[in-house]
Amino acid sequence: MKTYTQKSFFSMFAVRWFVCSVGLWIAASLFQHAISYQDSLIVILVGGAVLALLNTLVRPLLVLISMPALLISLGLFMVVLNGLMVVLMSHMYKSFQVT
């Protein structure tokens, strides 16, 4: 079994944080009417950090709970889980608003 060192964990989290931040920025650019981030890069970066934390801690539990729906939909229910994670992040971090 592969063990992760502390350095590799933080580098993996940094990559996840970067990818989440870029994804939030792209989503905010595409859906300007539904996502508000006050045109601030700091809001995107903090939102990306919160989303990366949620994806690390909460998402595995949600995937486990929703396994029947994922199997029936052949994985398409994962889109719903991704949207749920973004909405949960927007409730935790009020500067990034999703309607």
N, C-alpha and C. Protein backbone atom coordinates (compact mmCIF):
# COMPACT_ATOMS: atom_id res chain seq x y z
N MET A 1 0.84 -1.18 0.00
CA MET A 1 0.00 0.00 0.00
C MET A 1 0.88 1.23 0.00
N LYS A 2 0.51 2.21 -0.78
CA LYS A 2 1.31 3.42 -0.91
C LYS A 2 1.05 4.35 0.27
N THR A 3 2.11 4.78 0.91
CA THR A 3 1.97 5.73 2.01
C THR A 3 2.39 7.10 1.51
N TYR A 4 1.70 8.10 1.99
CA TYR A 4 1.98 9.47 1.58
C TYR A 4 2.76 10.18 2.67
N THR A 5 3.78 10.86 2.26
CA THR A 5 4.52 11.67 3.21
C THR A 5 3.80 12.99 3.37
N GLN A 6 4.18 13.73 4.37
CA GLN A 6 3.55 15.01 4.61
C GLN A 6 3.79 15.96 3.44
N LYS A 7 4.98 15.91 2.86
CA LYS A 7 5.30 16.78 1.73
C LYS A 7 4.44 16.45 0.52
N SER A 8 4.25 15.17 0.23
CA SER A 8 3.44 14.82 -0.93
C SER A 8 1.97 15.14 -0.69
N PHE A 9 1.49 15.02 0.55
CA PHE A 9 0.10 15.39 0.84
C PHE A 9 -0.13 16.87 0.57
N PHE A 10 0.79 17.72 1.04
CA PHE A 10 0.62 19.15 0.84
C PHE A 10 0.78 19.54 -0.63
N SER A 11 1.63 18.86 -1.36
CA SER A 11 1.76 19.16 -2.78
C SER A 11 0.51 18.71 -3.53
N MET A 12 -0.07 17.56 -3.14
CA MET A 12 -1.31 17.12 -3.76
C MET A 12 -2.45 18.08 -3.42
N PHE A 13 -2.49 18.58 -2.19
CA PHE A 13 -3.52 19.53 -1.81
C PHE A 13 -3.35 20.84 -2.57
N ALA A 14 -2.10 21.27 -2.77
CA ALA A 14 -1.85 22.51 -3.51
C ALA A 14 -2.33 22.38 -4.96
N VAL A 15 -2.12 21.23 -5.56
CA VAL A 15 -2.61 21.00 -6.93
C VAL A 15 -4.14 21.00 -6.94
N ARG A 16 -4.74 20.33 -5.96
CA ARG A 16 -6.21 20.31 -5.87
C ARG A 16 -6.77 21.73 -5.67
N TRP A 17 -6.10 22.53 -4.84
CA TRP A 17 -6.51 23.90 -4.59
C TRP A 17 -6.44 24.70 -5.88
N PHE A 18 -5.35 24.56 -6.62
CA PHE A 18 -5.19 25.28 -7.89
C PHE A 18 -6.28 24.88 -8.88
N VAL A 19 -6.53 23.58 -9.02
CA VAL A 19 -7.53 23.10 -9.97
C VAL A 19 -8.93 23.58 -9.57
N CYS A 20 -9.25 23.54 -8.28
CA CYS A 20 -10.55 24.02 -7.81
C CYS A 20 -10.71 25.52 -8.06
N SER A 21 -9.65 26.29 -7.83
CA SER A 21 -9.70 27.73 -8.06
C SER A 21 -9.90 28.05 -9.53
N VAL A 22 -9.18 27.36 -10.40
CA VAL A 22 -9.34 27.59 -11.84
C VAL A 22 -10.74 27.18 -12.28
N GLY A 23 -11.23 26.06 -11.75
CA GLY A 23 -12.58 25.63 -12.08
C GLY A 23 -13.65 26.62 -11.64
N LEU A 24 -13.48 27.19 -10.44
CA LEU A 24 -14.43 28.20 -9.97
C LEU A 24 -14.37 29.45 -10.84
N TRP A 25 -13.16 29.84 -11.25
CA TRP A 25 -13.02 31.03 -12.09
C TRP A 25 -13.68 30.80 -13.45
N ILE A 26 -13.50 29.63 -14.03
CA ILE A 26 -14.12 29.32 -15.32
C ILE A 26 -15.64 29.27 -15.18
N ALA A 27 -16.13 28.62 -14.12
CA ALA A 27 -17.58 28.54 -13.90
C ALA A 27 -18.17 29.93 -13.68
N ALA A 28 -17.46 30.78 -12.93
CA ALA A 28 -17.96 32.14 -12.70
C ALA A 28 -17.95 32.95 -13.99
N SER A 29 -17.02 32.68 -14.87
CA SER A 29 -16.99 33.38 -16.16
C SER A 29 -18.11 32.91 -17.08
N LEU A 30 -18.40 31.62 -17.05
CA LEU A 30 -19.45 31.08 -17.92
C LEU A 30 -20.85 31.40 -17.42
N PHE A 31 -21.03 31.37 -16.11
CA PHE A 31 -22.36 31.59 -15.52
C PHE A 31 -22.37 32.87 -14.70
N GLN A 32 -22.15 33.99 -15.36
CA GLN A 32 -22.06 35.28 -14.67
C GLN A 32 -23.37 35.67 -13.99
N HIS A 33 -24.49 35.20 -14.52
CA HIS A 33 -25.78 35.54 -13.92
C HIS A 33 -26.07 34.74 -12.66
N ALA A 34 -25.41 33.61 -12.46
CA ALA A 34 -25.72 32.74 -11.32
C ALA A 34 -24.61 32.71 -10.26
N ILE A 35 -23.40 33.15 -10.62
CA ILE A 35 -22.27 33.08 -9.68
C ILE A 35 -21.69 34.47 -9.52
N SER A 36 -21.57 34.91 -8.27
CA SER A 36 -21.00 36.22 -7.97
C SER A 36 -19.80 36.05 -7.06
N TYR A 37 -18.67 36.62 -7.49
CA TYR A 37 -17.46 36.53 -6.67
C TYR A 37 -16.82 37.89 -6.46
N GLN A 38 -17.56 38.95 -6.67
CA GLN A 38 -17.14 40.33 -6.41
C GLN A 38 -15.92 40.74 -7.23
N ASP A 39 -15.68 40.06 -8.37
CA ASP A 39 -14.55 40.34 -9.26
C ASP A 39 -13.23 40.43 -8.51
N SER A 40 -13.02 39.52 -7.58
CA SER A 40 -11.81 39.52 -6.77
C SER A 40 -11.11 38.17 -6.88
N LEU A 41 -9.83 38.22 -7.15
CA LEU A 41 -9.03 37.00 -7.23
C LEU A 41 -8.91 36.33 -5.86
N ILE A 42 -8.89 37.14 -4.80
CA ILE A 42 -8.79 36.59 -3.45
C ILE A 42 -10.01 35.73 -3.13
N VAL A 43 -11.20 36.17 -3.55
CA VAL A 43 -12.42 35.39 -3.31
C VAL A 43 -12.34 34.06 -4.03
N ILE A 44 -11.83 34.05 -5.25
CA ILE A 44 -11.67 32.81 -6.00
C ILE A 44 -10.67 31.88 -5.31
N LEU A 45 -9.54 32.43 -4.85
CA LEU A 45 -8.52 31.60 -4.21
C LEU A 45 -9.00 31.01 -2.88
N VAL A 46 -9.67 31.82 -2.07
CA VAL A 46 -10.19 31.31 -0.79
C VAL A 46 -11.32 30.31 -1.06
N GLY A 47 -12.17 30.61 -2.04
CA GLY A 47 -13.22 29.66 -2.40
C GLY A 47 -12.65 28.35 -2.91
N GLY A 48 -11.57 28.43 -3.67
CA GLY A 48 -10.90 27.22 -4.13
C GLY A 48 -10.33 26.41 -2.98
N ALA A 49 -9.79 27.09 -1.97
CA ALA A 49 -9.25 26.39 -0.81
C ALA A 49 -10.37 25.70 -0.02
N VAL A 50 -11.49 26.39 0.15
CA VAL A 50 -12.62 25.80 0.87
C VAL A 50 -13.17 24.60 0.09
N LEU A 51 -13.28 24.76 -1.24
CA LEU A 51 -13.78 23.66 -2.06
C LEU A 51 -12.82 22.47 -2.05
N ALA A 52 -11.52 22.73 -2.07
CA ALA A 52 -10.54 21.65 -2.01
C ALA A 52 -10.63 20.92 -0.67
N LEU A 53 -10.83 21.66 0.40
CA LEU A 53 -10.99 21.03 1.72
C LEU A 53 -12.26 20.17 1.77
N LEU A 54 -13.35 20.70 1.23
CA LEU A 54 -14.60 19.93 1.21
C LEU A 54 -14.44 18.67 0.36
N ASN A 55 -13.76 18.81 -0.79
CA ASN A 55 -13.56 17.65 -1.65
C ASN A 55 -12.68 16.60 -0.97
N THR A 56 -11.78 17.04 -0.12
CA THR A 56 -10.91 16.11 0.58
C THR A 56 -11.62 15.42 1.74
N LEU A 57 -12.45 16.15 2.47
CA LEU A 57 -13.04 15.63 3.70
C LEU A 57 -14.46 15.10 3.54
N VAL A 58 -15.31 15.81 2.83
CA VAL A 58 -16.74 15.48 2.79
C VAL A 58 -17.11 14.63 1.58
N ARG A 59 -16.49 14.89 0.45
CA ARG A 59 -16.88 14.22 -0.79
C ARG A 59 -16.79 12.69 -0.72
N PRO A 60 -15.74 12.09 -0.14
CA PRO A 60 -15.73 10.62 -0.08
C PRO A 60 -16.92 10.03 0.66
N LEU A 61 -17.37 10.70 1.70
CA LEU A 61 -18.56 10.23 2.42
C LEU A 61 -19.81 10.34 1.56
N LEU A 62 -19.95 11.46 0.83
CA LEU A 62 -21.11 11.63 -0.05
C LEU A 62 -21.11 10.61 -1.19
N VAL A 63 -19.94 10.30 -1.72
CA VAL A 63 -19.86 9.29 -2.78
C VAL A 63 -20.27 7.93 -2.23
N LEU A 64 -19.84 7.62 -1.04
CA LEU A 64 -20.20 6.34 -0.43
C LEU A 64 -21.70 6.24 -0.17
N ILE A 65 -22.28 7.32 0.33
CA ILE A 65 -23.72 7.33 0.61
C ILE A 65 -24.54 7.24 -0.67
N SER A 66 -24.08 7.90 -1.72
CA SER A 66 -24.86 7.96 -2.97
C SER A 66 -24.44 6.87 -3.97
N MET A 67 -23.77 5.85 -3.53
CA MET A 67 -23.30 4.79 -4.44
C MET A 67 -24.43 4.14 -5.24
N PRO A 68 -25.60 3.86 -4.67
CA PRO A 68 -26.67 3.30 -5.51
C PRO A 68 -27.08 4.22 -6.66
N ALA A 69 -27.20 5.51 -6.38
CA ALA A 69 -27.57 6.46 -7.45
C ALA A 69 -26.46 6.55 -8.49
N LEU A 70 -25.22 6.48 -8.06
CA LEU A 70 -24.11 6.52 -9.01
C LEU A 70 -24.10 5.28 -9.91
N LEU A 71 -24.38 4.13 -9.34
CA LEU A 71 -24.39 2.90 -10.14
C LEU A 71 -25.56 2.87 -11.12
N ILE A 72 -26.73 3.31 -10.67
CA ILE A 72 -27.90 3.32 -11.55
C ILE A 72 -27.72 4.30 -12.70
N SER A 73 -27.13 5.47 -12.41
CA SER A 73 -26.96 6.49 -13.45
C SER A 73 -25.65 6.34 -14.20
N LEU A 74 -24.91 5.27 -13.93
CA LEU A 74 -23.61 5.02 -14.57
C LEU A 74 -22.63 6.18 -14.36
N GLY A 75 -22.69 6.76 -13.18
CA GLY A 75 -21.74 7.80 -12.81
C GLY A 75 -22.20 9.22 -13.09
N LEU A 76 -23.32 9.39 -13.77
CA LEU A 76 -23.78 10.74 -14.09
C LEU A 76 -24.24 11.52 -12.86
N PHE A 77 -24.58 10.81 -11.80
CA PHE A 77 -24.98 11.47 -10.55
C PHE A 77 -23.81 12.25 -9.95
N MET A 78 -22.60 11.97 -10.40
CA MET A 78 -21.43 12.70 -9.91
C MET A 78 -21.53 14.19 -10.24
N VAL A 79 -22.22 14.54 -11.32
CA VAL A 79 -22.44 15.95 -11.66
C VAL A 79 -23.26 16.62 -10.57
N VAL A 80 -24.25 15.92 -10.06
CA VAL A 80 -25.07 16.44 -8.96
C VAL A 80 -24.21 16.62 -7.71
N LEU A 81 -23.35 15.66 -7.42
CA LEU A 81 -22.47 15.78 -6.25
C LEU A 81 -21.51 16.96 -6.40
N ASN A 82 -20.98 17.17 -7.59
CA ASN A 82 -20.09 18.32 -7.82
C ASN A 82 -20.83 19.63 -7.59
N GLY A 83 -22.04 19.72 -8.09
CA GLY A 83 -22.84 20.93 -7.87
C GLY A 83 -23.16 21.12 -6.40
N LEU A 84 -23.46 20.04 -5.72
CA LEU A 84 -23.73 20.10 -4.28
C LEU A 84 -22.52 20.61 -3.51
N MET A 85 -21.34 20.18 -3.90
CA MET A 85 -20.12 20.63 -3.22
C MET A 85 -19.91 22.13 -3.43
N VAL A 86 -20.19 22.63 -4.63
CA VAL A 86 -20.04 24.07 -4.89
C VAL A 86 -21.06 24.87 -4.10
N VAL A 87 -22.30 24.39 -4.04
CA VAL A 87 -23.34 25.09 -3.26
C VAL A 87 -22.99 25.07 -1.77
N LEU A 88 -22.50 23.95 -1.28
CA LEU A 88 -22.08 23.86 0.13
C LEU A 88 -20.94 24.83 0.40
N MET A 89 -20.00 24.93 -0.52
CA MET A 89 -18.90 25.88 -0.37
C MET A 89 -19.42 27.31 -0.33
N SER A 90 -20.39 27.62 -1.18
CA SER A 90 -20.92 28.99 -1.19
C SER A 90 -21.67 29.32 0.09
N HIS A 91 -22.25 28.32 0.75
CA HIS A 91 -22.90 28.56 2.05
C HIS A 91 -21.88 28.77 3.16
N MET A 92 -20.74 28.12 3.03
CA MET A 92 -19.69 28.27 4.05
C MET A 92 -18.91 29.56 3.86
N TYR A 93 -18.73 29.99 2.62
CA TYR A 93 -17.93 31.17 2.30
C TYR A 93 -18.85 32.16 1.58
N LYS A 94 -19.37 33.11 2.33
CA LYS A 94 -20.44 33.99 1.85
C LYS A 94 -19.99 34.95 0.75
N SER A 95 -18.71 35.20 0.58
CA SER A 95 -18.26 36.12 -0.47
C SER A 95 -18.45 35.54 -1.86
N PHE A 96 -18.48 34.23 -1.96
CA PHE A 96 -18.71 33.54 -3.23
C PHE A 96 -20.14 33.06 -3.21
N GLN A 97 -21.00 33.65 -4.04
CA GLN A 97 -22.42 33.36 -3.99
C GLN A 97 -22.87 32.63 -5.24
N VAL A 98 -23.62 31.54 -5.04
CA VAL A 98 -24.20 30.77 -6.13
C VAL A 98 -25.71 30.79 -5.97
N THR A 99 -26.41 31.18 -7.02
CA THR A 99 -27.87 31.19 -6.96
C THR A 99 -28.45 30.10 -7.84
